[in-house]
Amino acid sequence: MRAPAEPTTALMLDLHRRMRAGARLARALAEAQQAFGATGDGPARATAAAFVCFGAG
């Protein structure tokens, strides 16, 4: 599956901002996805849901 550039960029910027603030990867991703899903349309929510964290994150 290809991830559309615009919503992916917004999600990743939010993810990295959360990590810089001290959140661990898994928590930062979950929070970014939740925030993104609350404000995005259907395709944007699907893009956010396409990313997962494996491991100790």
PDB file of N, CA and C in Angstrom:
ATOM      1  N   MET A   1       0.835  -1.174   0.000  1.00  0.00           N
ATOM      2  CA  MET A   1       0.000   0.000   0.000  1.00  0.00           C
ATOM      3  C   MET A   1       0.882   1.240   0.000  1.00  0.00           C
ATOM      4  N   ARG A   2       0.567   2.173  -0.824  1.00  0.00           N
ATOM      5  CA  ARG A   2       1.274   3.459  -0.833  1.00  0.00           C
ATOM      6  C   ARG A   2       0.613   4.398   0.162  1.00  0.00           C
ATOM      7  N   ALA A   3       1.439   5.083   0.909  1.00  0.00           N
ATOM      8  CA  ALA A   3       0.924   6.080   1.853  1.00  0.00           C
ATOM      9  C   ALA A   3       0.985   7.443   1.183  1.00  0.00           C
ATOM     10  N   PRO A   4      -0.140   8.160   1.114  1.00  0.00           N
ATOM     11  CA  PRO A   4      -0.144   9.483   0.490  1.00  0.00           C
ATOM     12  C   PRO A   4       0.807  10.434   1.208  1.00  0.00           C
ATOM     13  N   ALA A   5       1.537  11.216   0.457  1.00  0.00           N
ATOM     14  CA  ALA A   5       2.595  12.064   1.015  1.00  0.00           C
ATOM     15  C   ALA A   5       2.089  13.114   2.001  1.00  0.00           C
ATOM     16  N   GLU A   6       1.033  13.832   1.661  1.00  0.00           N
ATOM     17  CA  GLU A   6       0.603  14.943   2.517  1.00  0.00           C
ATOM     18  C   GLU A   6       0.159  14.487   3.909  1.00  0.00           C
ATOM     19  N   PRO A   7      -0.779  13.529   4.038  1.00  0.00           N
ATOM     20  CA  PRO A   7      -1.155  13.120   5.391  1.00  0.00           C
ATOM     21  C   PRO A   7      -0.034  12.382   6.118  1.00  0.00           C
ATOM     22  N   THR A   8       0.796  11.644   5.385  1.00  0.00           N
ATOM     23  CA  THR A   8       1.906  10.947   6.018  1.00  0.00           C
ATOM     24  C   THR A   8       2.900  11.940   6.603  1.00  0.00           C
ATOM     25  N   THR A   9       3.195  12.997   5.867  1.00  0.00           N
ATOM     26  CA  THR A   9       4.109  14.025   6.353  1.00  0.00           C
ATOM     27  C   THR A   9       3.575  14.656   7.633  1.00  0.00           C
ATOM     28  N   ALA A  10       2.296  14.999   7.648  1.00  0.00           N
ATOM     29  CA  ALA A  10       1.698  15.608   8.840  1.00  0.00           C
ATOM     30  C   ALA A  10       1.772  14.665  10.031  1.00  0.00           C
ATOM     31  N   LEU A  11       1.473  13.392   9.808  1.00  0.00           N
ATOM     32  CA  LEU A  11       1.525  12.399  10.887  1.00  0.00           C
ATOM     33  C   LEU A  11       2.942  12.247  11.416  1.00  0.00           C
ATOM     34  N   MET A  12       3.918  12.152  10.519  1.00  0.00           N
ATOM     35  CA  MET A  12       5.309  11.947  10.942  1.00  0.00           C
ATOM     36  C   MET A  12       5.872  13.173  11.660  1.00  0.00           C
ATOM     37  N   LEU A  13       5.478  14.363  11.239  1.00  0.00           N
ATOM     38  CA  LEU A  13       5.918  15.566  11.945  1.00  0.00           C
ATOM     39  C   LEU A  13       5.379  15.575  13.373  1.00  0.00           C
ATOM     40  N   ASP A  14       4.111  15.196  13.526  1.00  0.00           N
ATOM     41  CA  ASP A  14       3.519  15.121  14.865  1.00  0.00           C
ATOM     42  C   ASP A  14       4.209  14.041  15.691  1.00  0.00           C
ATOM     43  N   LEU A  15       4.448  12.890  15.104  1.00  0.00           N
ATOM     44  CA  LEU A  15       5.134  11.785  15.790  1.00  0.00           C
ATOM     45  C   LEU A  15       6.506  12.241  16.302  1.00  0.00           C
ATOM     46  N   HIS A  16       7.284  12.858  15.457  1.00  0.00           N
ATOM     47  CA  HIS A  16       8.626  13.283  15.859  1.00  0.00           C
ATOM     48  C   HIS A  16       8.603  14.423  16.878  1.00  0.00           C
ATOM     49  N   ARG A  17       7.604  15.293  16.780  1.00  0.00           N
ATOM     50  CA  ARG A  17       7.469  16.344  17.791  1.00  0.00           C
ATOM     51  C   ARG A  17       7.199  15.720  19.169  1.00  0.00           C
ATOM     52  N   ARG A  18       6.367  14.713  19.201  1.00  0.00           N
ATOM     53  CA  ARG A  18       6.055  14.026  20.460  1.00  0.00           C
ATOM     54  C   ARG A  18       7.282  13.295  21.007  1.00  0.00           C
ATOM     55  N   MET A  19       8.064  12.704  20.122  1.00  0.00           N
ATOM     56  CA  MET A  19       9.274  12.005  20.567  1.00  0.00           C
ATOM     57  C   MET A  19      10.308  12.996  21.103  1.00  0.00           C
ATOM     58  N   ARG A  20      10.452  14.140  20.443  1.00  0.00           N
ATOM     59  CA  ARG A  20      11.373  15.171  20.941  1.00  0.00           C
ATOM     60  C   ARG A  20      10.948  15.671  22.320  1.00  0.00           C
ATOM     61  N   ALA A  21       9.658  15.631  22.584  1.00  0.00           N
ATOM     62  CA  ALA A  21       9.132  16.075  23.878  1.00  0.00           C
ATOM     63  C   ALA A  21       9.312  15.003  24.955  1.00  0.00           C
ATOM     64  N   GLY A  22       9.813  13.821  24.556  1.00  0.00           N
ATOM     65  CA  GLY A  22      10.120  12.795  25.544  1.00  0.00           C
ATOM     66  C   GLY A  22       9.300  11.521  25.480  1.00  0.00           C
ATOM     67  N   ALA A  23       8.294  11.465  24.631  1.00  0.00           N
ATOM     68  CA  ALA A  23       7.489  10.250  24.526  1.00  0.00           C
ATOM     69  C   ALA A  23       8.279   9.152  23.822  1.00  0.00           C
ATOM     70  N   ARG A  24       8.100   7.930  24.262  1.00  0.00           N
ATOM     71  CA  ARG A  24       8.719   6.800  23.564  1.00  0.00           C
ATOM     72  C   ARG A  24       7.967   6.552  22.264  1.00  0.00           C
ATOM     73  N   LEU A  25       8.606   5.844  21.350  1.00  0.00           N
ATOM     74  CA  LEU A  25       8.070   5.667  19.998  1.00  0.00           C
ATOM     75  C   LEU A  25       6.638   5.151  19.986  1.00  0.00           C
ATOM     76  N   ALA A  26       6.354   4.055  20.669  1.00  0.00           N
ATOM     77  CA  ALA A  26       5.013   3.463  20.615  1.00  0.00           C
ATOM     78  C   ALA A  26       3.957   4.438  21.127  1.00  0.00           C
ATOM     79  N   ARG A  27       4.242   5.111  22.230  1.00  0.00           N
ATOM     80  CA  ARG A  27       3.297   6.083  22.809  1.00  0.00           C
ATOM     81  C   ARG A  27       3.132   7.266  21.860  1.00  0.00           C
ATOM     82  N   ALA A  28       4.232   7.777  21.320  1.00  0.00           N
ATOM     83  CA  ALA A  28       4.173   8.921  20.417  1.00  0.00           C
ATOM     84  C   ALA A  28       3.355   8.584  19.176  1.00  0.00           C
ATOM     85  N   LEU A  29       3.554   7.391  18.628  1.00  0.00           N
ATOM     86  CA  LEU A  29       2.799   6.988  17.440  1.00  0.00           C
ATOM     87  C   LEU A  29       1.317   6.867  17.762  1.00  0.00           C
ATOM     88  N   ALA A  30       0.991   6.213  18.868  1.00  0.00           N
ATOM     89  CA  ALA A  30      -0.417   6.039  19.241  1.00  0.00           C
ATOM     90  C   ALA A  30      -1.101   7.385  19.445  1.00  0.00           C
ATOM     91  N   GLU A  31      -0.434   8.299  20.122  1.00  0.00           N
ATOM     92  CA  GLU A  31      -1.029   9.614  20.368  1.00  0.00           C
ATOM     93  C   GLU A  31      -1.164  10.416  19.077  1.00  0.00           C
ATOM     94  N   ALA A  32      -0.164  10.341  18.215  1.00  0.00           N
ATOM     95  CA  ALA A  32      -0.235  11.052  16.943  1.00  0.00           C
ATOM     96  C   ALA A  32      -1.365  10.487  16.081  1.00  0.00           C
ATOM     97  N   GLN A  33      -1.494   9.170  16.064  1.00  0.00           N
ATOM     98  CA  GLN A  33      -2.569   8.546  15.290  1.00  0.00           C
ATOM     99  C   GLN A  33      -3.932   8.948  15.839  1.00  0.00           C
ATOM    100  N   GLN A  34      -4.067   8.957  17.157  1.00  0.00           N
ATOM    101  CA  GLN A  34      -5.340   9.326  17.759  1.00  0.00           C
ATOM    102  C   GLN A  34      -5.702  10.772  17.421  1.00  0.00           C
ATOM    103  N   ALA A  35      -4.754  11.676  17.547  1.00  0.00           N
ATOM    104  CA  ALA A  35      -4.996  13.082  17.224  1.00  0.00           C
ATOM    105  C   ALA A  35      -5.311  13.244  15.744  1.00  0.00           C
ATOM    106  N   PHE A  36      -4.592  12.539  14.907  1.00  0.00           N
ATOM    107  CA  PHE A  36      -4.779  12.629  13.466  1.00  0.00           C
ATOM    108  C   PHE A  36      -6.145  12.091  13.075  1.00  0.00           C
ATOM    109  N   GLY A  37      -6.538  10.979  13.681  1.00  0.00           N
ATOM    110  CA  GLY A  37      -7.834  10.376  13.380  1.00  0.00           C
ATOM    111  C   GLY A  37      -8.997  11.244  13.793  1.00  0.00           C
ATOM    112  N   ALA A  38      -8.808  12.028  14.840  1.00  0.00           N
ATOM    113  CA  ALA A  38      -9.879  12.892  15.331  1.00  0.00           C
ATOM    114  C   ALA A  38     -10.126  14.069  14.398  1.00  0.00           C
ATOM    115  N   THR A  39      -9.110  14.472  13.654  1.00  0.00           N
ATOM    116  CA  THR A  39      -9.246  15.650  12.803  1.00  0.00           C
ATOM    117  C   THR A  39      -9.253  15.325  11.306  1.00  0.00           C
ATOM    118  N   GLY A  40      -8.783  14.140  10.929  1.00  0.00           N
ATOM    119  CA  GLY A  40      -8.658  13.813   9.505  1.00  0.00           C
ATOM    120  C   GLY A  40      -9.908  13.200   8.918  1.00  0.00           C
ATOM    121  N   ASP A  41      -9.958  13.148   7.587  1.00  0.00           N
ATOM    122  CA  ASP A  41     -11.061  12.501   6.900  1.00  0.00           C
ATOM    123  C   ASP A  41     -10.786  10.998   6.811  1.00  0.00           C
ATOM    124  N   GLY A  42     -11.641  10.257   6.137  1.00  0.00           N
ATOM    125  CA  GLY A  42     -11.494   8.813   6.029  1.00  0.00           C
ATOM    126  C   GLY A  42     -10.137   8.365   5.497  1.00  0.00           C
ATOM    127  N   PRO A  43      -9.690   8.877   4.344  1.00  0.00           N
ATOM    128  CA  PRO A  43      -8.383   8.480   3.831  1.00  0.00           C
ATOM    129  C   PRO A  43      -7.235   8.868   4.763  1.00  0.00           C
ATOM    130  N   ALA A  44      -7.337   9.991   5.431  1.00  0.00           N
ATOM    131  CA  ALA A  44      -6.286  10.405   6.359  1.00  0.00           C
ATOM    132  C   ALA A  44      -6.232   9.454   7.544  1.00  0.00           C
ATOM    133  N   ARG A  45      -7.382   9.048   8.052  1.00  0.00           N
ATOM    134  CA  ARG A  45      -7.418   8.086   9.166  1.00  0.00           C
ATOM    135  C   ARG A  45      -6.832   6.752   8.727  1.00  0.00           C
ATOM    136  N   ALA A  46      -7.125   6.337   7.509  1.00  0.00           N
ATOM    137  CA  ALA A  46      -6.577   5.079   7.003  1.00  0.00           C
ATOM    138  C   ALA A  46      -5.062   5.167   6.889  1.00  0.00           C
ATOM    139  N   THR A  47      -4.553   6.315   6.481  1.00  0.00           N
ATOM    140  CA  THR A  47      -3.107   6.513   6.403  1.00  0.00           C
ATOM    141  C   THR A  47      -2.489   6.390   7.782  1.00  0.00           C
ATOM    142  N   ALA A  48      -3.079   7.027   8.775  1.00  0.00           N
ATOM    143  CA  ALA A  48      -2.549   6.976  10.137  1.00  0.00           C
ATOM    144  C   ALA A  48      -2.555   5.548  10.660  1.00  0.00           C
ATOM    145  N   ALA A  49      -3.596   4.797  10.347  1.00  0.00           N
ATOM    146  CA  ALA A  49      -3.719   3.422  10.835  1.00  0.00           C
ATOM    147  C   ALA A  49      -2.724   2.475  10.169  1.00  0.00           C
ATOM    148  N   ALA A  50      -2.133   2.893   9.060  1.00  0.00           N
ATOM    149  CA  ALA A  50      -1.223   2.017   8.325  1.00  0.00           C
ATOM    150  C   ALA A  50       0.135   1.862   9.016  1.00  0.00           C
ATOM    151  N   PHE A  51       0.429   2.685  10.005  1.00  0.00           N
ATOM    152  CA  PHE A  51       1.735   2.642  10.673  1.00  0.00           C
ATOM    153  C   PHE A  51       1.621   1.920  12.004  1.00  0.00           C
ATOM    154  N   VAL A  52       2.574   1.017  12.260  1.00  0.00           N
ATOM    155  CA  VAL A  52       2.585   0.255  13.508  1.00  0.00           C
ATOM    156  C   VAL A  52       3.996   0.292  14.090  1.00  0.00           C
ATOM    157  N   CYS A  53       4.078   0.031  15.368  1.00  0.00           N
ATOM    158  CA  CYS A  53       5.354  -0.025  16.059  1.00  0.00           C
ATOM    159  C   CYS A  53       5.571  -1.437  16.576  1.00  0.00           C
ATOM    160  N   PHE A  54       6.673  -2.052  16.231  1.00  0.00           N
ATOM    161  CA  PHE A  54       7.027  -3.380  16.713  1.00  0.00           C
ATOM    162  C   PHE A  54       8.216  -3.268  17.654  1.00  0.00           C
ATOM    163  N   GLY A  55       8.252  -4.112  18.652  1.00  0.00           N
ATOM    164  CA  GLY A  55       9.405  -4.131  19.541  1.00  0.00           C
ATOM    165  C   GLY A  55       9.186  -3.333  20.805  1.00  0.00           C
ATOM    166  N   ALA A  56      10.274  -2.916  21.409  1.00  0.00           N
ATOM    167  CA  ALA A  56      10.224  -2.268  22.715  1.00  0.00           C
ATOM    168  C   ALA A  56       9.709  -0.845  22.650  1.00  0.00           C
ATOM    169  N   GLY A  57       9.753  -0.202  21.477  1.00  0.00           N
ATOM    170  CA  GLY A  57       9.306   1.141  21.204  1.00  0.00           C
ATOM    171  C   GLY A  57       8.777   1.881  22.346  1.00  0.00           C
TER     172      GLY A  57
END
